[in-house]
């Protein structure tokens, strides 16, 4: 029951919480919110169009409920998946730039 929400929590929301904590010093909150809002609007339009055209649908047994024709979990997906991508990028960037800084400090 509520498989979509369970999968979202395990594989997207929980990793986001951990990565957000790890990246907390690198994140500019205002810029992040603007980027997520723009992506959210694009995703809603894309999904609404796809559902109305019959390209995909959602099982009523596996979702919490519908909000404007889309599952509530889908709106969470629109926020947390782009956030996860940004968090992973920041983590990897920090690893590589951190290594370069260590090498530069050793050379001096």
N, C-alpha and C. Protein backbone atom coordinates (compact mmCIF):
# COMPACT_ATOMS: atom_id res chain seq x y z
N UNK A 1 0.83 -1.18 0.00
CA UNK A 1 0.00 0.00 0.00
C UNK A 1 0.88 1.25 0.00
N UNK A 2 0.50 2.23 -0.77
CA UNK A 2 1.24 3.48 -0.90
C UNK A 2 2.69 3.22 -1.30
N UNK A 3 2.87 2.33 -2.25
CA UNK A 3 4.21 1.95 -2.70
C UNK A 3 4.99 3.15 -3.21
N UNK A 4 4.34 4.02 -3.96
CA UNK A 4 5.01 5.20 -4.53
C UNK A 4 5.63 6.04 -3.41
N UNK A 5 4.87 6.30 -2.36
CA UNK A 5 5.36 7.11 -1.25
C UNK A 5 6.50 6.41 -0.51
N UNK A 6 6.38 5.11 -0.33
CA UNK A 6 7.43 4.35 0.34
C UNK A 6 8.74 4.41 -0.43
N UNK A 7 8.66 4.18 -1.73
CA UNK A 7 9.86 4.23 -2.58
C UNK A 7 10.46 5.64 -2.60
N UNK A 8 9.61 6.63 -2.65
CA UNK A 8 10.06 8.01 -2.64
C UNK A 8 10.80 8.34 -1.34
N UNK A 9 10.26 7.90 -0.23
CA UNK A 9 10.91 8.16 1.06
C UNK A 9 12.26 7.46 1.17
N UNK A 10 12.32 6.21 0.77
CA UNK A 10 13.56 5.42 0.92
C UNK A 10 14.65 5.88 -0.02
N UNK A 11 14.32 6.07 -1.28
CA UNK A 11 15.34 6.30 -2.29
C UNK A 11 15.55 7.76 -2.68
N UNK A 12 14.68 8.65 -2.24
CA UNK A 12 14.82 10.05 -2.65
C UNK A 12 14.84 10.99 -1.44
N UNK A 13 13.85 10.93 -0.59
CA UNK A 13 13.75 11.90 0.51
C UNK A 13 14.82 11.66 1.56
N UNK A 14 15.00 10.42 1.99
CA UNK A 14 16.02 10.11 3.00
C UNK A 14 17.44 10.46 2.52
N UNK A 15 17.84 10.05 1.30
CA UNK A 15 19.16 10.48 0.82
C UNK A 15 19.28 12.00 0.72
N UNK A 16 18.19 12.68 0.37
CA UNK A 16 18.22 14.14 0.29
C UNK A 16 18.51 14.77 1.64
N UNK A 17 17.91 14.24 2.68
CA UNK A 17 18.14 14.78 4.02
C UNK A 17 19.61 14.64 4.40
N UNK A 18 20.17 13.47 4.14
CA UNK A 18 21.58 13.22 4.46
C UNK A 18 22.49 14.12 3.64
N UNK A 19 22.26 14.17 2.33
CA UNK A 19 23.11 14.98 1.45
C UNK A 19 22.95 16.48 1.71
N UNK A 20 21.74 16.90 2.03
CA UNK A 20 21.52 18.31 2.34
C UNK A 20 22.33 18.71 3.56
N UNK A 21 22.39 17.83 4.56
CA UNK A 21 23.20 18.10 5.74
C UNK A 21 24.68 18.18 5.37
N UNK A 22 25.14 17.26 4.54
CA UNK A 22 26.55 17.25 4.14
C UNK A 22 26.93 18.47 3.29
N UNK A 23 25.98 18.96 2.51
CA UNK A 23 26.24 20.08 1.61
C UNK A 23 25.78 21.42 2.17
N UNK A 24 25.41 21.47 3.43
CA UNK A 24 24.77 22.67 4.00
C UNK A 24 25.58 23.94 3.84
N UNK A 25 26.90 23.86 3.80
CA UNK A 25 27.73 25.06 3.67
C UNK A 25 27.85 25.53 2.23
N UNK A 26 27.54 24.66 1.29
CA UNK A 26 27.69 24.99 -0.13
C UNK A 26 26.40 25.48 -0.77
N UNK A 27 25.27 25.29 -0.11
CA UNK A 27 23.97 25.58 -0.72
C UNK A 27 23.55 27.02 -0.47
N UNK A 28 23.22 27.71 -1.56
CA UNK A 28 22.65 29.05 -1.48
C UNK A 28 21.14 28.88 -1.57
N UNK A 29 20.45 29.00 -0.45
CA UNK A 29 19.05 28.63 -0.33
C UNK A 29 18.13 29.38 -1.30
N UNK A 30 18.34 30.67 -1.49
CA UNK A 30 17.47 31.44 -2.37
C UNK A 30 17.57 30.95 -3.82
N UNK A 31 18.79 30.74 -4.28
CA UNK A 31 19.01 30.25 -5.64
C UNK A 31 18.43 28.85 -5.81
N UNK A 32 18.62 28.02 -4.80
CA UNK A 32 18.09 26.66 -4.84
C UNK A 32 16.57 26.67 -4.95
N UNK A 33 15.92 27.51 -4.18
CA UNK A 33 14.45 27.59 -4.20
C UNK A 33 13.94 28.07 -5.55
N UNK A 34 14.60 29.05 -6.15
CA UNK A 34 14.19 29.54 -7.47
C UNK A 34 14.33 28.44 -8.51
N UNK A 35 15.46 27.74 -8.49
CA UNK A 35 15.69 26.66 -9.45
C UNK A 35 14.66 25.55 -9.28
N UNK A 36 14.40 25.15 -8.05
CA UNK A 36 13.42 24.10 -7.80
C UNK A 36 12.01 24.52 -8.21
N UNK A 37 11.68 25.79 -8.00
CA UNK A 37 10.35 26.29 -8.39
C UNK A 37 10.17 26.24 -9.91
N UNK A 38 11.19 26.65 -10.64
CA UNK A 38 11.11 26.61 -12.12
C UNK A 38 10.97 25.17 -12.60
N UNK A 39 11.78 24.28 -12.05
CA UNK A 39 11.69 22.86 -12.43
C UNK A 39 10.34 22.27 -12.04
N UNK A 40 9.81 22.68 -10.91
CA UNK A 40 8.51 22.21 -10.45
C UNK A 40 7.41 22.59 -11.44
N UNK A 41 7.42 23.83 -11.89
CA UNK A 41 6.40 24.28 -12.85
C UNK A 41 6.49 23.52 -14.18
N UNK A 42 7.70 23.33 -14.67
CA UNK A 42 7.90 22.59 -15.92
C UNK A 42 7.41 21.16 -15.77
N UNK A 43 7.75 20.53 -14.64
CA UNK A 43 7.36 19.14 -14.41
C UNK A 43 5.84 18.98 -14.31
N UNK A 44 5.19 19.94 -13.66
CA UNK A 44 3.72 19.86 -13.55
C UNK A 44 3.08 19.94 -14.93
N UNK A 45 3.53 20.89 -15.72
CA UNK A 45 2.97 21.03 -17.07
C UNK A 45 3.22 19.76 -17.89
N UNK A 46 4.42 19.25 -17.83
CA UNK A 46 4.79 18.05 -18.58
C UNK A 46 3.93 16.85 -18.14
N UNK A 47 3.80 16.65 -16.86
CA UNK A 47 3.04 15.52 -16.33
C UNK A 47 1.56 15.65 -16.63
N UNK A 48 1.02 16.84 -16.45
CA UNK A 48 -0.41 17.05 -16.74
C UNK A 48 -0.71 16.71 -18.20
N UNK A 49 0.14 17.17 -19.08
CA UNK A 49 -0.03 16.91 -20.50
C UNK A 49 0.06 15.41 -20.79
N UNK A 50 1.05 14.77 -20.21
CA UNK A 50 1.25 13.34 -20.45
C UNK A 50 0.10 12.49 -19.92
N UNK A 51 -0.41 12.82 -18.75
CA UNK A 51 -1.53 12.07 -18.17
C UNK A 51 -2.79 12.30 -19.00
N UNK A 52 -3.04 13.53 -19.39
CA UNK A 52 -4.24 13.84 -20.17
C UNK A 52 -4.21 13.20 -21.56
N UNK A 53 -3.00 13.04 -22.11
CA UNK A 53 -2.86 12.39 -23.42
C UNK A 53 -2.90 10.87 -23.30
N UNK A 54 -2.88 10.36 -22.08
CA UNK A 54 -2.93 8.92 -21.86
C UNK A 54 -1.59 8.22 -22.01
N UNK A 55 -0.51 8.99 -21.96
CA UNK A 55 0.82 8.37 -22.09
C UNK A 55 1.17 7.53 -20.88
N UNK A 56 0.69 7.94 -19.70
CA UNK A 56 0.83 7.11 -18.50
C UNK A 56 -0.25 7.45 -17.51
N UNK A 57 -0.40 6.53 -16.57
CA UNK A 57 -1.42 6.70 -15.54
C UNK A 57 -0.86 6.17 -14.22
N UNK A 58 -1.62 6.35 -13.17
CA UNK A 58 -1.18 5.96 -11.83
C UNK A 58 -2.24 5.06 -11.22
N UNK A 59 -1.79 3.99 -10.57
CA UNK A 59 -2.69 3.06 -9.90
C UNK A 59 -3.27 3.73 -8.65
N UNK A 60 -4.58 3.76 -8.57
CA UNK A 60 -5.25 4.39 -7.42
C UNK A 60 -4.95 3.66 -6.11
N UNK A 61 -4.57 2.39 -6.20
CA UNK A 61 -4.28 1.60 -5.00
C UNK A 61 -2.92 1.91 -4.41
N UNK A 62 -2.05 2.54 -5.17
CA UNK A 62 -0.66 2.75 -4.74
C UNK A 62 -0.34 4.21 -4.40
N UNK A 63 -1.34 5.09 -4.44
CA UNK A 63 -1.09 6.51 -4.18
C UNK A 63 -1.96 7.01 -3.03
N UNK A 64 -1.55 8.13 -2.46
CA UNK A 64 -2.33 8.74 -1.36
C UNK A 64 -3.64 9.33 -1.87
N UNK A 65 -3.57 9.99 -3.01
CA UNK A 65 -4.74 10.64 -3.58
C UNK A 65 -4.31 11.55 -4.71
N UNK A 66 -5.27 12.14 -5.36
CA UNK A 66 -5.00 13.01 -6.50
C UNK A 66 -5.16 14.47 -6.12
N UNK A 67 -4.33 15.31 -6.69
CA UNK A 67 -4.41 16.75 -6.53
C UNK A 67 -4.27 17.35 -7.93
N UNK A 68 -5.33 17.92 -8.45
CA UNK A 68 -5.37 18.46 -9.82
C UNK A 68 -4.99 17.41 -10.85
N UNK A 69 -5.45 16.19 -10.63
CA UNK A 69 -5.26 15.12 -11.60
C UNK A 69 -3.95 14.36 -11.48
N UNK A 70 -3.08 14.76 -10.57
CA UNK A 70 -1.81 14.06 -10.36
C UNK A 70 -1.72 13.57 -8.93
N UNK A 71 -1.02 12.44 -8.73
CA UNK A 71 -0.85 11.95 -7.36
C UNK A 71 -0.08 12.95 -6.50
N UNK A 72 -0.42 12.99 -5.23
CA UNK A 72 0.28 13.88 -4.29
C UNK A 72 1.77 13.55 -4.28
N UNK A 73 2.09 12.26 -4.37
CA UNK A 73 3.50 11.84 -4.38
C UNK A 73 4.26 12.40 -5.57
N UNK A 74 3.56 12.62 -6.66
CA UNK A 74 4.21 13.15 -7.86
C UNK A 74 4.73 14.57 -7.61
N UNK A 75 4.00 15.34 -6.85
CA UNK A 75 4.46 16.69 -6.51
C UNK A 75 5.71 16.64 -5.64
N UNK A 76 5.76 15.68 -4.72
CA UNK A 76 6.98 15.48 -3.92
C UNK A 76 8.14 15.07 -4.82
N UNK A 77 7.85 14.20 -5.77
CA UNK A 77 8.86 13.76 -6.73
C UNK A 77 9.45 14.95 -7.49
N UNK A 78 8.59 15.88 -7.90
CA UNK A 78 9.03 17.05 -8.66
C UNK A 78 9.98 17.94 -7.87
N UNK A 79 9.87 17.91 -6.57
CA UNK A 79 10.74 18.73 -5.72
C UNK A 79 12.00 17.96 -5.33
N UNK A 80 11.82 16.73 -4.87
CA UNK A 80 12.94 16.02 -4.26
C UNK A 80 13.90 15.36 -5.25
N UNK A 81 13.46 14.98 -6.43
CA UNK A 81 14.39 14.38 -7.40
C UNK A 81 15.36 15.43 -7.95
N UNK A 82 14.89 16.61 -8.38
CA UNK A 82 15.88 17.63 -8.78
C UNK A 82 16.80 18.03 -7.62
N UNK A 83 16.26 18.10 -6.41
CA UNK A 83 17.08 18.42 -5.25
C UNK A 83 18.15 17.35 -5.02
N UNK A 84 17.78 16.09 -5.23
CA UNK A 84 18.74 15.00 -5.09
C UNK A 84 19.85 15.13 -6.13
N UNK A 85 19.49 15.48 -7.35
CA UNK A 85 20.49 15.67 -8.40
C UNK A 85 21.46 16.80 -8.03
N UNK A 86 20.92 17.89 -7.54
CA UNK A 86 21.76 19.02 -7.13
C UNK A 86 22.66 18.62 -5.96
N UNK A 87 22.11 17.91 -4.99
CA UNK A 87 22.90 17.48 -3.85
C UNK A 87 24.02 16.52 -4.24
N UNK A 88 23.73 15.59 -5.13
CA UNK A 88 24.76 14.67 -5.60
C UNK A 88 25.85 15.43 -6.34
N UNK A 89 25.45 16.37 -7.19
CA UNK A 89 26.43 17.18 -7.91
C UNK A 89 27.33 17.94 -6.94
N UNK A 90 26.74 18.57 -5.93
CA UNK A 90 27.53 19.34 -4.96
C UNK A 90 28.49 18.44 -4.18
N UNK A 91 28.04 17.25 -3.84
CA UNK A 91 28.90 16.32 -3.11
C UNK A 91 30.09 15.89 -3.97
N UNK A 92 29.82 15.52 -5.22
CA UNK A 92 30.90 15.10 -6.11
C UNK A 92 31.84 16.26 -6.41
N UNK A 93 31.29 17.44 -6.65
CA UNK A 93 32.11 18.62 -6.89
C UNK A 93 33.03 18.89 -5.69
N UNK A 94 32.48 18.76 -4.51
CA UNK A 94 33.27 18.98 -3.30
C UNK A 94 34.39 17.97 -3.15
N UNK A 95 34.14 16.75 -3.54
CA UNK A 95 35.18 15.72 -3.47
C UNK A 95 36.32 16.06 -4.42
N UNK A 96 35.99 16.41 -5.67
CA UNK A 96 37.03 16.70 -6.66
C UNK A 96 37.75 18.01 -6.40
N UNK A 97 37.02 19.05 -6.03
CA UNK A 97 37.70 20.32 -5.77
C UNK A 97 38.47 20.27 -4.46
N UNK A 98 37.98 19.49 -3.51
CA UNK A 98 38.71 19.31 -2.26
C UNK A 98 40.04 18.62 -2.49
N UNK A 99 40.06 17.63 -3.39
CA UNK A 99 41.31 16.94 -3.72
C UNK A 99 42.29 17.88 -4.40
N UNK A 100 41.80 18.74 -5.27
CA UNK A 100 42.68 19.69 -5.97
C UNK A 100 43.28 20.68 -4.98
N UNK A 101 42.48 21.13 -4.02
CA UNK A 101 42.98 22.08 -3.03
C UNK A 101 44.05 21.45 -2.17
N UNK A 102 43.87 20.19 -1.81
CA UNK A 102 44.88 19.48 -1.01
C UNK A 102 46.18 19.36 -1.77
N UNK A 103 46.09 19.05 -3.07
CA UNK A 103 47.28 18.93 -3.90
C UNK A 103 47.98 20.27 -4.04
N UNK A 104 47.22 21.34 -4.21
CA UNK A 104 47.81 22.67 -4.35
C UNK A 104 48.52 23.07 -3.05
N UNK A 105 47.92 22.76 -1.91
CA UNK A 105 48.53 23.09 -0.62
C UNK A 105 49.81 22.29 -0.40
N UNK A 106 49.88 21.07 -0.87
CA UNK A 106 51.09 20.26 -0.73
C UNK A 106 52.21 20.79 -1.60
N UNK A 107 51.85 21.29 -2.80
CA UNK A 107 52.86 21.81 -3.73
C UNK A 107 53.50 23.11 -3.22
N UNK A 108 52.77 23.85 -2.41
CA UNK A 108 53.30 25.13 -1.92
C UNK A 108 54.25 24.88 -0.84
